[in-house]
Amino acid sequence: MSTGSPLRIGVFVFDGAEELDVVGPYDVLSSWALHSPLRPEVLTFSSDGQGVRCAKGLCLVPDTSAHEVGPLHVLVYPGGQGTRALAADTHHLAWVREVRAATPLVASVCTGALVLAAAGLLAGRPATTHWAAFDELVALDPSVLPDDEARFVDDGDVVTSAGVSAGIDMALHLVARLEGVEAARAVRRGIQYDPEPPV
């Protein structure tokens, strides 16, 4: 992605966000930022800049607020139980559409796709989400083309990923898109991400 200014990547956080949906992509992207010649900035932000309590109780203090975050090149929108309220919040959905109009790339993790669908950002497009949330996704927008097999779906300016740990895969894919495959492989080696589940 060619930009006229340093890459800015914002991870939106909210009450009820799934912990790994947030910190998985954040760790991948910030690990990349430490060594990339592109010198990307990776930050977290909440609606009001205040701390949030994630789905399993982890409390996070974001860098800034939605009002003050400024222009982004990439928005990462996590999932979690908190997405259900946000998908029904007309004010929030208007904000999502506004951010999307000014942000070249929007990426969701897990049920973050529900909010994108509710905002109309997935209309007629292929998308994925957590395996247990496909009925909700299609109910929000029947025109979505659900992919229940992919770990992530790259549809150009919108990327969606499946449940929880798939956000790490998607974030590595974003690094490959933004800088290159070798950069993504270096990050993967650095965080020793080589899944071989023991069960």
N, C-alpha and C. Protein backbone atom coordinates (compact mmCIF):
# COMPACT_ATOMS: atom_id res chain seq x y z
N MET A 1 0.84 -1.18 0.00
CA MET A 1 0.00 0.00 0.00
C MET A 1 0.88 1.24 0.00
N SER A 2 0.73 2.07 -0.97
CA SER A 2 1.53 3.28 -1.07
C SER A 2 0.80 4.43 -0.40
N THR A 3 1.50 5.11 0.50
CA THR A 3 0.89 6.23 1.20
C THR A 3 1.86 7.39 1.21
N GLY A 4 1.32 8.59 1.38
CA GLY A 4 2.16 9.78 1.41
C GLY A 4 2.69 10.09 2.79
N SER A 5 2.28 9.35 3.80
CA SER A 5 2.72 9.57 5.16
C SER A 5 2.91 8.22 5.83
N PRO A 6 3.59 8.17 6.97
CA PRO A 6 3.80 6.88 7.64
C PRO A 6 2.49 6.14 7.87
N LEU A 7 2.55 4.84 7.74
CA LEU A 7 1.38 4.00 7.94
C LEU A 7 0.87 4.13 9.37
N ARG A 8 -0.43 4.34 9.51
CA ARG A 8 -1.05 4.39 10.83
C ARG A 8 -2.12 3.31 10.89
N ILE A 9 -1.98 2.42 11.88
CA ILE A 9 -2.89 1.30 12.04
C ILE A 9 -3.56 1.44 13.39
N GLY A 10 -4.88 1.49 13.39
CA GLY A 10 -5.63 1.63 14.62
C GLY A 10 -6.41 0.38 14.95
N VAL A 11 -6.27 -0.09 16.18
CA VAL A 11 -7.04 -1.24 16.67
C VAL A 11 -8.11 -0.69 17.60
N PHE A 12 -9.36 -0.82 17.19
CA PHE A 12 -10.48 -0.32 17.99
C PHE A 12 -10.76 -1.28 19.14
N VAL A 13 -10.89 -0.75 20.35
CA VAL A 13 -11.18 -1.59 21.52
C VAL A 13 -12.47 -1.12 22.17
N PHE A 14 -13.17 -2.04 22.81
CA PHE A 14 -14.49 -1.73 23.37
C PHE A 14 -14.82 -2.75 24.45
N ASP A 15 -15.75 -2.39 25.32
CA ASP A 15 -16.19 -3.33 26.36
C ASP A 15 -16.75 -4.58 25.70
N GLY A 16 -16.26 -5.72 26.17
CA GLY A 16 -16.74 -6.99 25.62
C GLY A 16 -15.98 -7.47 24.41
N ALA A 17 -14.88 -6.79 24.05
CA ALA A 17 -14.04 -7.29 22.96
C ALA A 17 -13.33 -8.57 23.41
N GLU A 18 -13.20 -9.51 22.51
CA GLU A 18 -12.47 -10.74 22.81
C GLU A 18 -10.98 -10.42 22.94
N GLU A 19 -10.37 -10.87 24.03
CA GLU A 19 -8.99 -10.49 24.30
C GLU A 19 -8.04 -10.80 23.15
N LEU A 20 -8.05 -12.03 22.66
CA LEU A 20 -7.09 -12.41 21.62
C LEU A 20 -7.39 -11.73 20.29
N ASP A 21 -8.66 -11.37 20.07
CA ASP A 21 -9.00 -10.61 18.86
C ASP A 21 -8.25 -9.28 18.82
N VAL A 22 -8.02 -8.72 20.01
CA VAL A 22 -7.30 -7.44 20.13
C VAL A 22 -5.80 -7.66 20.13
N VAL A 23 -5.33 -8.46 21.09
CA VAL A 23 -3.88 -8.53 21.32
C VAL A 23 -3.16 -9.40 20.30
N GLY A 24 -3.87 -10.34 19.66
CA GLY A 24 -3.22 -11.14 18.62
C GLY A 24 -2.76 -10.27 17.46
N PRO A 25 -3.68 -9.59 16.78
CA PRO A 25 -3.27 -8.69 15.71
C PRO A 25 -2.34 -7.57 16.19
N TYR A 26 -2.61 -7.04 17.38
CA TYR A 26 -1.76 -5.96 17.89
C TYR A 26 -0.31 -6.43 18.03
N ASP A 27 -0.13 -7.64 18.57
CA ASP A 27 1.23 -8.15 18.76
C ASP A 27 1.93 -8.36 17.43
N VAL A 28 1.22 -8.94 16.47
CA VAL A 28 1.81 -9.14 15.14
C VAL A 28 2.20 -7.80 14.51
N LEU A 29 1.28 -6.87 14.52
CA LEU A 29 1.51 -5.60 13.83
C LEU A 29 2.54 -4.74 14.54
N SER A 30 2.54 -4.74 15.87
CA SER A 30 3.54 -3.94 16.58
C SER A 30 4.92 -4.60 16.54
N SER A 31 4.96 -5.93 16.48
CA SER A 31 6.25 -6.61 16.28
C SER A 31 6.84 -6.24 14.92
N TRP A 32 5.98 -6.19 13.93
CA TRP A 32 6.41 -5.75 12.59
C TRP A 32 6.91 -4.31 12.64
N ALA A 33 6.18 -3.45 13.34
CA ALA A 33 6.52 -2.03 13.38
C ALA A 33 7.91 -1.78 13.97
N LEU A 34 8.35 -2.65 14.87
CA LEU A 34 9.66 -2.46 15.50
C LEU A 34 10.82 -2.53 14.51
N HIS A 35 10.62 -3.28 13.41
CA HIS A 35 11.73 -3.54 12.49
C HIS A 35 11.48 -3.07 11.06
N SER A 36 10.28 -2.65 10.76
CA SER A 36 9.95 -2.32 9.38
C SER A 36 10.54 -0.97 8.96
N PRO A 37 11.12 -0.91 7.76
CA PRO A 37 11.58 0.39 7.23
C PRO A 37 10.42 1.34 6.95
N LEU A 38 9.20 0.81 6.89
CA LEU A 38 8.03 1.66 6.69
C LEU A 38 7.65 2.43 7.95
N ARG A 39 8.20 2.00 9.09
CA ARG A 39 7.98 2.65 10.38
C ARG A 39 6.49 2.89 10.67
N PRO A 40 5.69 1.84 10.58
CA PRO A 40 4.26 2.01 10.85
C PRO A 40 4.01 2.34 12.32
N GLU A 41 2.95 3.06 12.56
CA GLU A 41 2.50 3.35 13.92
C GLU A 41 1.27 2.49 14.20
N VAL A 42 1.31 1.76 15.29
CA VAL A 42 0.20 0.89 15.67
C VAL A 42 -0.33 1.39 17.01
N LEU A 43 -1.60 1.70 17.06
CA LEU A 43 -2.18 2.23 18.29
C LEU A 43 -3.55 1.64 18.55
N THR A 44 -3.99 1.78 19.79
CA THR A 44 -5.32 1.33 20.18
C THR A 44 -6.16 2.56 20.50
N PHE A 45 -7.46 2.43 20.28
CA PHE A 45 -8.34 3.53 20.64
C PHE A 45 -9.73 2.99 20.96
N SER A 46 -10.40 3.68 21.86
CA SER A 46 -11.78 3.35 22.21
C SER A 46 -12.66 4.52 21.81
N SER A 47 -13.95 4.35 21.93
CA SER A 47 -14.87 5.42 21.51
C SER A 47 -14.57 6.73 22.22
N ASP A 48 -14.38 6.65 23.55
CA ASP A 48 -14.19 7.87 24.33
C ASP A 48 -12.78 8.02 24.90
N GLY A 49 -11.88 7.11 24.55
CA GLY A 49 -10.52 7.17 25.07
C GLY A 49 -10.35 6.57 26.44
N GLN A 50 -11.44 6.13 27.05
CA GLN A 50 -11.38 5.54 28.38
C GLN A 50 -11.06 4.05 28.29
N GLY A 51 -10.66 3.48 29.42
CA GLY A 51 -10.34 2.07 29.46
C GLY A 51 -11.54 1.19 29.18
N VAL A 52 -11.28 -0.02 28.75
CA VAL A 52 -12.33 -0.98 28.45
C VAL A 52 -12.06 -2.28 29.19
N ARG A 53 -13.13 -3.04 29.43
CA ARG A 53 -13.01 -4.37 30.02
C ARG A 53 -13.40 -5.38 28.94
N CYS A 54 -12.46 -6.23 28.61
CA CYS A 54 -12.69 -7.20 27.53
C CYS A 54 -13.60 -8.34 28.01
N ALA A 55 -13.89 -9.25 27.10
CA ALA A 55 -14.91 -10.28 27.33
C ALA A 55 -14.62 -11.16 28.54
N LYS A 56 -13.37 -11.46 28.80
CA LYS A 56 -13.00 -12.35 29.90
C LYS A 56 -12.41 -11.60 31.08
N GLY A 57 -12.52 -10.27 31.07
CA GLY A 57 -12.13 -9.50 32.23
C GLY A 57 -10.85 -8.69 32.10
N LEU A 58 -10.09 -8.89 31.04
CA LEU A 58 -8.86 -8.11 30.86
C LEU A 58 -9.20 -6.64 30.64
N CYS A 59 -8.56 -5.76 31.39
CA CYS A 59 -8.79 -4.33 31.25
C CYS A 59 -7.66 -3.71 30.42
N LEU A 60 -8.04 -2.87 29.48
CA LEU A 60 -7.07 -2.22 28.59
C LEU A 60 -7.24 -0.72 28.66
N VAL A 61 -6.12 -0.02 28.64
CA VAL A 61 -6.13 1.44 28.56
C VAL A 61 -5.66 1.83 27.16
N PRO A 62 -6.55 2.35 26.32
CA PRO A 62 -6.18 2.66 24.93
C PRO A 62 -5.31 3.90 24.84
N ASP A 63 -4.70 4.07 23.69
CA ASP A 63 -3.84 5.23 23.45
C ASP A 63 -4.63 6.52 23.31
N THR A 64 -5.82 6.42 22.73
CA THR A 64 -6.56 7.64 22.43
C THR A 64 -8.03 7.32 22.20
N SER A 65 -8.77 8.31 21.75
CA SER A 65 -10.20 8.15 21.51
C SER A 65 -10.49 8.14 20.01
N ALA A 66 -11.69 7.74 19.66
CA ALA A 66 -12.12 7.76 18.27
C ALA A 66 -12.11 9.18 17.72
N HIS A 67 -12.42 10.14 18.56
CA HIS A 67 -12.45 11.54 18.13
C HIS A 67 -11.06 12.07 17.82
N GLU A 68 -10.06 11.58 18.57
CA GLU A 68 -8.71 12.14 18.46
C GLU A 68 -7.74 11.25 17.69
N VAL A 69 -8.17 10.09 17.25
CA VAL A 69 -7.23 9.14 16.65
C VAL A 69 -6.64 9.66 15.33
N GLY A 70 -7.39 10.45 14.59
CA GLY A 70 -6.89 10.99 13.33
C GLY A 70 -6.97 9.98 12.20
N PRO A 71 -6.45 10.36 11.04
CA PRO A 71 -6.55 9.48 9.86
C PRO A 71 -5.78 8.17 10.06
N LEU A 72 -6.39 7.11 9.56
CA LEU A 72 -5.77 5.79 9.62
C LEU A 72 -5.62 5.24 8.21
N HIS A 73 -4.62 4.39 8.03
CA HIS A 73 -4.50 3.64 6.79
C HIS A 73 -5.17 2.28 6.92
N VAL A 74 -5.17 1.74 8.16
CA VAL A 74 -5.79 0.45 8.42
C VAL A 74 -6.57 0.53 9.73
N LEU A 75 -7.81 0.08 9.71
CA LEU A 75 -8.61 -0.08 10.93
C LEU A 75 -8.77 -1.56 11.19
N VAL A 76 -8.41 -2.00 12.40
CA VAL A 76 -8.64 -3.37 12.83
C VAL A 76 -9.80 -3.36 13.81
N TYR A 77 -10.86 -4.10 13.48
CA TYR A 77 -12.07 -4.13 14.30
C TYR A 77 -12.24 -5.53 14.88
N PRO A 78 -11.96 -5.70 16.18
CA PRO A 78 -12.06 -7.02 16.81
C PRO A 78 -13.50 -7.48 16.98
N GLY A 79 -13.64 -8.74 17.41
CA GLY A 79 -14.94 -9.28 17.74
C GLY A 79 -15.10 -9.45 19.24
N GLY A 80 -16.11 -10.22 19.61
CA GLY A 80 -16.41 -10.44 21.02
C GLY A 80 -17.89 -10.16 21.27
N GLN A 81 -18.36 -10.51 22.46
CA GLN A 81 -19.78 -10.32 22.78
C GLN A 81 -20.20 -8.86 22.67
N GLY A 82 -19.27 -7.95 22.88
CA GLY A 82 -19.60 -6.53 22.79
C GLY A 82 -20.03 -6.07 21.42
N THR A 83 -19.77 -6.87 20.40
CA THR A 83 -20.16 -6.47 19.05
C THR A 83 -21.67 -6.46 18.86
N ARG A 84 -22.40 -7.25 19.65
CA ARG A 84 -23.85 -7.31 19.45
C ARG A 84 -24.50 -5.97 19.74
N ALA A 85 -24.10 -5.33 20.83
CA ALA A 85 -24.65 -4.01 21.14
C ALA A 85 -24.20 -2.98 20.12
N LEU A 86 -22.96 -3.07 19.69
CA LEU A 86 -22.44 -2.10 18.71
C LEU A 86 -23.12 -2.26 17.36
N ALA A 87 -23.46 -3.50 16.99
CA ALA A 87 -24.12 -3.74 15.71
C ALA A 87 -25.55 -3.20 15.69
N ALA A 88 -26.08 -2.89 16.87
CA ALA A 88 -27.43 -2.33 16.96
C ALA A 88 -27.43 -0.84 17.30
N ASP A 89 -26.25 -0.26 17.39
CA ASP A 89 -26.09 1.15 17.78
C ASP A 89 -25.97 2.01 16.53
N THR A 90 -27.02 2.71 16.18
CA THR A 90 -27.03 3.47 14.92
C THR A 90 -25.96 4.56 14.89
N HIS A 91 -25.69 5.17 16.03
CA HIS A 91 -24.65 6.20 16.09
C HIS A 91 -23.29 5.59 15.80
N HIS A 92 -23.03 4.43 16.41
CA HIS A 92 -21.75 3.76 16.18
C HIS A 92 -21.61 3.31 14.73
N LEU A 93 -22.70 2.78 14.16
CA LEU A 93 -22.63 2.32 12.77
C LEU A 93 -22.38 3.48 11.82
N ALA A 94 -22.94 4.65 12.12
CA ALA A 94 -22.65 5.83 11.31
C ALA A 94 -21.18 6.18 11.39
N TRP A 95 -20.61 6.06 12.60
CA TRP A 95 -19.16 6.31 12.76
C TRP A 95 -18.34 5.31 11.95
N VAL A 96 -18.73 4.05 11.99
CA VAL A 96 -18.00 3.01 11.23
C VAL A 96 -18.02 3.35 9.74
N ARG A 97 -19.16 3.76 9.22
CA ARG A 97 -19.25 4.12 7.80
C ARG A 97 -18.37 5.34 7.49
N GLU A 98 -18.36 6.29 8.41
CA GLU A 98 -17.54 7.49 8.23
C GLU A 98 -16.05 7.15 8.21
N VAL A 99 -15.63 6.29 9.14
CA VAL A 99 -14.22 5.87 9.17
C VAL A 99 -13.88 5.08 7.93
N ARG A 100 -14.79 4.19 7.52
CA ARG A 100 -14.53 3.38 6.32
C ARG A 100 -14.32 4.26 5.09
N ALA A 101 -15.07 5.33 4.97
CA ALA A 101 -14.97 6.21 3.80
C ALA A 101 -13.60 6.88 3.72
N ALA A 102 -12.93 7.02 4.87
CA ALA A 102 -11.64 7.72 4.90
C ALA A 102 -10.46 6.79 5.12
N THR A 103 -10.71 5.49 5.25
CA THR A 103 -9.66 4.53 5.60
C THR A 103 -9.50 3.52 4.47
N PRO A 104 -8.30 3.41 3.90
CA PRO A 104 -8.12 2.53 2.74
C PRO A 104 -8.39 1.06 2.99
N LEU A 105 -8.14 0.59 4.23
CA LEU A 105 -8.26 -0.84 4.49
C LEU A 105 -8.90 -1.05 5.87
N VAL A 106 -9.98 -1.83 5.89
CA VAL A 106 -10.65 -2.18 7.14
C VAL A 106 -10.58 -3.69 7.29
N ALA A 107 -10.19 -4.13 8.50
CA ALA A 107 -10.04 -5.56 8.75
C ALA A 107 -10.77 -5.92 10.03
N SER A 108 -11.59 -6.95 9.98
CA SER A 108 -12.30 -7.40 11.17
C SER A 108 -11.77 -8.75 11.63
N VAL A 109 -11.89 -8.98 12.92
CA VAL A 109 -11.55 -10.27 13.51
C VAL A 109 -12.83 -10.87 14.08
N CYS A 110 -13.07 -12.14 13.80
CA CYS A 110 -14.15 -12.87 14.45
C CYS A 110 -15.50 -12.16 14.22
N THR A 111 -16.23 -11.88 15.28
CA THR A 111 -17.55 -11.27 15.13
C THR A 111 -17.50 -9.76 14.92
N GLY A 112 -16.31 -9.21 14.76
CA GLY A 112 -16.23 -7.83 14.29
C GLY A 112 -16.92 -7.68 12.95
N ALA A 113 -16.97 -8.78 12.20
CA ALA A 113 -17.66 -8.76 10.90
C ALA A 113 -19.14 -8.44 11.04
N LEU A 114 -19.73 -8.75 12.19
CA LEU A 114 -21.14 -8.45 12.40
C LEU A 114 -21.38 -6.94 12.36
N VAL A 115 -20.47 -6.18 12.95
CA VAL A 115 -20.61 -4.73 12.94
C VAL A 115 -20.41 -4.19 11.53
N LEU A 116 -19.43 -4.73 10.82
CA LEU A 116 -19.22 -4.29 9.44
C LEU A 116 -20.46 -4.59 8.60
N ALA A 117 -21.05 -5.75 8.81
CA ALA A 117 -22.26 -6.11 8.06
C ALA A 117 -23.42 -5.18 8.42
N ALA A 118 -23.58 -4.90 9.69
CA ALA A 118 -24.67 -4.02 10.12
C ALA A 118 -24.51 -2.61 9.57
N ALA A 119 -23.26 -2.22 9.35
CA ALA A 119 -22.98 -0.90 8.78
C ALA A 119 -23.09 -0.88 7.26
N GLY A 120 -23.34 -2.04 6.66
CA GLY A 120 -23.48 -2.12 5.22
C GLY A 120 -22.18 -2.26 4.46
N LEU A 121 -21.09 -2.55 5.17
CA LEU A 121 -19.77 -2.59 4.52
C LEU A 121 -19.47 -3.92 3.84
N LEU A 122 -20.30 -4.93 4.11
CA LEU A 122 -20.06 -6.25 3.51
C LEU A 122 -21.11 -6.61 2.47
N ALA A 123 -21.93 -5.67 2.08
CA ALA A 123 -23.02 -5.96 1.15
C ALA A 123 -22.49 -6.54 -0.16
N GLY A 124 -22.96 -7.73 -0.49
CA GLY A 124 -22.58 -8.37 -1.74
C GLY A 124 -21.14 -8.86 -1.79
N ARG A 125 -20.48 -8.91 -0.64
CA ARG A 125 -19.06 -9.26 -0.62
C ARG A 125 -18.83 -10.58 0.12
N PRO A 126 -17.77 -11.29 -0.23
CA PRO A 126 -17.40 -12.47 0.53
C PRO A 126 -16.85 -12.06 1.89
N ALA A 127 -17.15 -12.84 2.92
CA ALA A 127 -16.68 -12.52 4.26
C ALA A 127 -16.73 -13.76 5.13
N THR A 128 -15.95 -13.71 6.21
CA THR A 128 -15.99 -14.79 7.19
C THR A 128 -16.10 -14.19 8.58
N THR A 129 -16.37 -15.07 9.54
CA THR A 129 -16.51 -14.68 10.93
C THR A 129 -16.34 -15.94 11.77
N HIS A 130 -16.60 -15.84 13.06
CA HIS A 130 -16.52 -17.02 13.92
C HIS A 130 -17.51 -18.07 13.43
N TRP A 131 -17.13 -19.34 13.55
CA TRP A 131 -17.97 -20.42 13.01
C TRP A 131 -19.39 -20.41 13.58
N ALA A 132 -19.56 -19.90 14.80
CA ALA A 132 -20.88 -19.93 15.42
C ALA A 132 -21.72 -18.69 15.10
N ALA A 133 -21.16 -17.77 14.31
CA ALA A 133 -21.85 -16.49 14.09
C ALA A 133 -22.33 -16.27 12.66
N PHE A 134 -22.26 -17.30 11.82
CA PHE A 134 -22.65 -17.10 10.41
C PHE A 134 -24.14 -16.79 10.26
N ASP A 135 -24.99 -17.40 11.09
CA ASP A 135 -26.41 -17.09 11.01
C ASP A 135 -26.67 -15.63 11.35
N GLU A 136 -25.97 -15.13 12.37
CA GLU A 136 -26.11 -13.71 12.73
C GLU A 136 -25.63 -12.81 11.60
N LEU A 137 -24.52 -13.19 10.98
CA LEU A 137 -23.95 -12.39 9.89
C LEU A 137 -24.95 -12.26 8.74
N VAL A 138 -25.52 -13.37 8.33
CA VAL A 138 -26.45 -13.36 7.20
C VAL A 138 -27.76 -12.67 7.57
N ALA A 139 -28.17 -12.78 8.84
CA ALA A 139 -29.38 -12.09 9.27
C ALA A 139 -29.20 -10.58 9.20
N LEU A 140 -28.00 -10.11 9.51
CA LEU A 140 -27.72 -8.67 9.46
C LEU A 140 -27.69 -8.16 8.03
N ASP A 141 -27.18 -8.98 7.11
CA ASP A 141 -27.15 -8.59 5.70
C ASP A 141 -27.18 -9.85 4.83
N PRO A 142 -28.36 -10.21 4.33
CA PRO A 142 -28.49 -11.43 3.53
C PRO A 142 -27.67 -11.43 2.25
N SER A 143 -27.18 -10.28 1.82
CA SER A 143 -26.40 -10.23 0.59
C SER A 143 -24.94 -10.63 0.79
N VAL A 144 -24.50 -10.75 2.05
CA VAL A 144 -23.12 -11.17 2.32
C VAL A 144 -22.91 -12.58 1.77
N LEU A 145 -21.73 -12.83 1.22
CA LEU A 145 -21.38 -14.14 0.68
C LEU A 145 -20.50 -14.85 1.72
N PRO A 146 -21.08 -15.66 2.59
CA PRO A 146 -20.32 -16.23 3.72
C PRO A 146 -19.35 -17.31 3.28
N ASP A 147 -18.14 -17.26 3.83
CA ASP A 147 -17.12 -18.28 3.58
C ASP A 147 -16.80 -18.93 4.92
N ASP A 148 -17.30 -20.13 5.14
CA ASP A 148 -17.14 -20.77 6.43
C ASP A 148 -15.94 -21.71 6.50
N GLU A 149 -15.06 -21.62 5.51
CA GLU A 149 -13.87 -22.45 5.51
C GLU A 149 -12.57 -21.66 5.64
N ALA A 150 -12.55 -20.43 5.16
CA ALA A 150 -11.31 -19.64 5.14
C ALA A 150 -10.94 -19.14 6.53
N ARG A 151 -9.64 -19.05 6.79
CA ARG A 151 -9.17 -18.42 8.02
C ARG A 151 -9.34 -16.90 7.91
N PHE A 152 -9.18 -16.39 6.71
CA PHE A 152 -9.47 -14.98 6.46
C PHE A 152 -9.86 -14.82 5.00
N VAL A 153 -10.60 -13.75 4.72
CA VAL A 153 -11.04 -13.45 3.36
C VAL A 153 -10.56 -12.04 3.02
N ASP A 154 -9.73 -11.94 2.00
CA ASP A 154 -9.23 -10.64 1.54
C ASP A 154 -10.05 -10.23 0.32
N ASP A 155 -10.86 -9.20 0.50
CA ASP A 155 -11.67 -8.69 -0.62
C ASP A 155 -11.21 -7.29 -0.99
N GLY A 156 -9.92 -7.09 -0.97
CA GLY A 156 -9.34 -5.82 -1.39
C GLY A 156 -9.27 -4.80 -0.27
N ASP A 157 -10.28 -3.96 -0.19
CA ASP A 157 -10.25 -2.91 0.83
C ASP A 157 -10.91 -3.34 2.14
N VAL A 158 -11.46 -4.55 2.17
CA VAL A 158 -12.03 -5.10 3.38
C VAL A 158 -11.52 -6.53 3.55
N VAL A 159 -10.98 -6.81 4.74
CA VAL A 159 -10.50 -8.15 5.06
C VAL A 159 -11.22 -8.60 6.31
N THR A 160 -11.77 -9.81 6.27
CA THR A 160 -12.43 -10.38 7.44
C THR A 160 -11.72 -11.66 7.83
N SER A 161 -11.72 -11.97 9.12
CA SER A 161 -11.09 -13.22 9.55
C SER A 161 -12.06 -14.02 10.40
N ALA A 162 -11.80 -15.30 10.49
CA ALA A 162 -12.63 -16.20 11.28
C ALA A 162 -12.36 -15.97 12.76
N GLY A 163 -12.75 -16.94 13.60
CA GLY A 163 -12.73 -16.71 15.03
C GLY A 163 -11.38 -16.57 15.68
N VAL A 164 -11.28 -15.64 16.57
CA VAL A 164 -10.25 -15.43 17.58
C VAL A 164 -8.83 -15.58 17.04
N SER A 165 -8.25 -16.79 17.10
CA SER A 165 -6.85 -16.95 16.70
C SER A 165 -6.62 -16.68 15.23
N ALA A 166 -7.68 -16.73 14.42
CA ALA A 166 -7.52 -16.43 12.99
C ALA A 166 -7.10 -14.98 12.77
N GLY A 167 -7.32 -14.13 13.76
CA GLY A 167 -6.87 -12.75 13.65
C GLY A 167 -5.36 -12.64 13.54
N ILE A 168 -4.63 -13.59 14.11
CA ILE A 168 -3.17 -13.60 13.99
C ILE A 168 -2.78 -13.90 12.55
N ASP A 169 -3.44 -14.89 11.95
CA ASP A 169 -3.20 -15.21 10.54
C ASP A 169 -3.48 -14.00 9.66
N MET A 170 -4.61 -13.34 9.94
CA MET A 170 -4.98 -12.18 9.14
C MET A 170 -3.96 -11.06 9.28
N ALA A 171 -3.49 -10.84 10.51
CA ALA A 171 -2.52 -9.77 10.73
C ALA A 171 -1.21 -10.06 10.00
N LEU A 172 -0.79 -11.31 10.00
CA LEU A 172 0.41 -11.67 9.22
C LEU A 172 0.17 -11.42 7.73
N HIS A 173 -1.03 -11.72 7.28
CA HIS A 173 -1.38 -11.44 5.89
C HIS A 173 -1.32 -9.93 5.62
N LEU A 174 -1.77 -9.13 6.57
CA LEU A 174 -1.70 -7.67 6.38
C LEU A 174 -0.26 -7.20 6.27
N VAL A 175 0.62 -7.77 7.09
CA VAL A 175 2.04 -7.42 6.98
C VAL A 175 2.56 -7.78 5.59
N ALA A 176 2.18 -8.96 5.11
CA ALA A 176 2.62 -9.38 3.77
C ALA A 176 2.10 -8.41 2.71
N ARG A 177 0.88 -7.94 2.87
CA ARG A 177 0.32 -6.97 1.92
C ARG A 177 1.02 -5.63 2.00
N LEU A 178 1.27 -5.18 3.20
CA LEU A 178 1.79 -3.83 3.40
C LEU A 178 3.28 -3.71 3.12
N GLU A 179 4.03 -4.78 3.41
CA GLU A 179 5.48 -4.73 3.14
C GLU A 179 5.97 -5.87 2.28
N GLY A 180 5.56 -7.09 2.59
CA GLY A 180 6.01 -8.21 1.78
C GLY A 180 6.01 -9.50 2.57
N VAL A 181 6.06 -10.61 1.84
CA VAL A 181 5.99 -11.93 2.46
C VAL A 181 7.16 -12.17 3.41
N GLU A 182 8.36 -11.74 3.02
CA GLU A 182 9.53 -11.97 3.88
C GLU A 182 9.38 -11.24 5.21
N ALA A 183 8.83 -10.04 5.17
CA ALA A 183 8.59 -9.30 6.42
C ALA A 183 7.61 -10.06 7.30
N ALA A 184 6.56 -10.60 6.70
CA ALA A 184 5.58 -11.36 7.47
C ALA A 184 6.20 -12.62 8.05
N ARG A 185 7.05 -13.28 7.27
CA ARG A 185 7.72 -14.49 7.77
C ARG A 185 8.65 -14.16 8.93
N ALA A 186 9.30 -13.02 8.86
CA ALA A 186 10.19 -12.61 9.94
C ALA A 186 9.40 -12.37 11.22
N VAL A 187 8.23 -11.76 11.09
CA VAL A 187 7.38 -11.55 12.27
C VAL A 187 6.93 -12.89 12.82
N ARG A 188 6.49 -13.77 11.95
CA ARG A 188 6.03 -15.08 12.40
C ARG A 188 7.12 -15.82 13.17
N ARG A 189 8.36 -15.76 12.65
CA ARG A 189 9.48 -16.39 13.36
C ARG A 189 9.72 -15.72 14.69
N GLY A 190 9.63 -14.39 14.68
CA GLY A 190 9.91 -13.63 15.90
C GLY A 190 8.95 -13.94 17.04
N ILE A 191 7.68 -14.12 16.71
CA ILE A 191 6.70 -14.43 17.76
C ILE A 191 6.51 -15.94 17.92
N GLN A 192 7.31 -16.71 17.21
CA GLN A 192 7.28 -18.17 17.25
C GLN A 192 5.86 -18.70 17.07
N TYR A 193 5.22 -18.22 16.00
CA TYR A 193 3.86 -18.65 15.68
C TYR A 193 3.93 -19.75 14.64
N ASP A 194 3.76 -20.97 15.09
CA ASP A 194 3.83 -22.13 14.21
C ASP A 194 2.88 -23.19 14.77
N PRO A 195 1.57 -22.96 14.58
CA PRO A 195 0.57 -23.74 15.32
C PRO A 195 0.65 -25.24 15.06
N GLU A 196 0.77 -25.99 16.14
CA GLU A 196 0.64 -27.44 16.11
C GLU A 196 -0.14 -27.81 17.37
N PRO A 197 -1.47 -27.68 17.30
CA PRO A 197 -2.28 -27.88 18.51
C PRO A 197 -2.01 -29.23 19.16
N PRO A 198 -1.88 -29.25 20.50
CA PRO A 198 -1.59 -30.51 21.20
C PRO A 198 -2.80 -31.40 21.36
N VAL A 199 -3.99 -30.88 21.04
CA VAL A 199 -5.21 -31.70 21.21
C VAL A 199 -6.05 -31.64 19.95
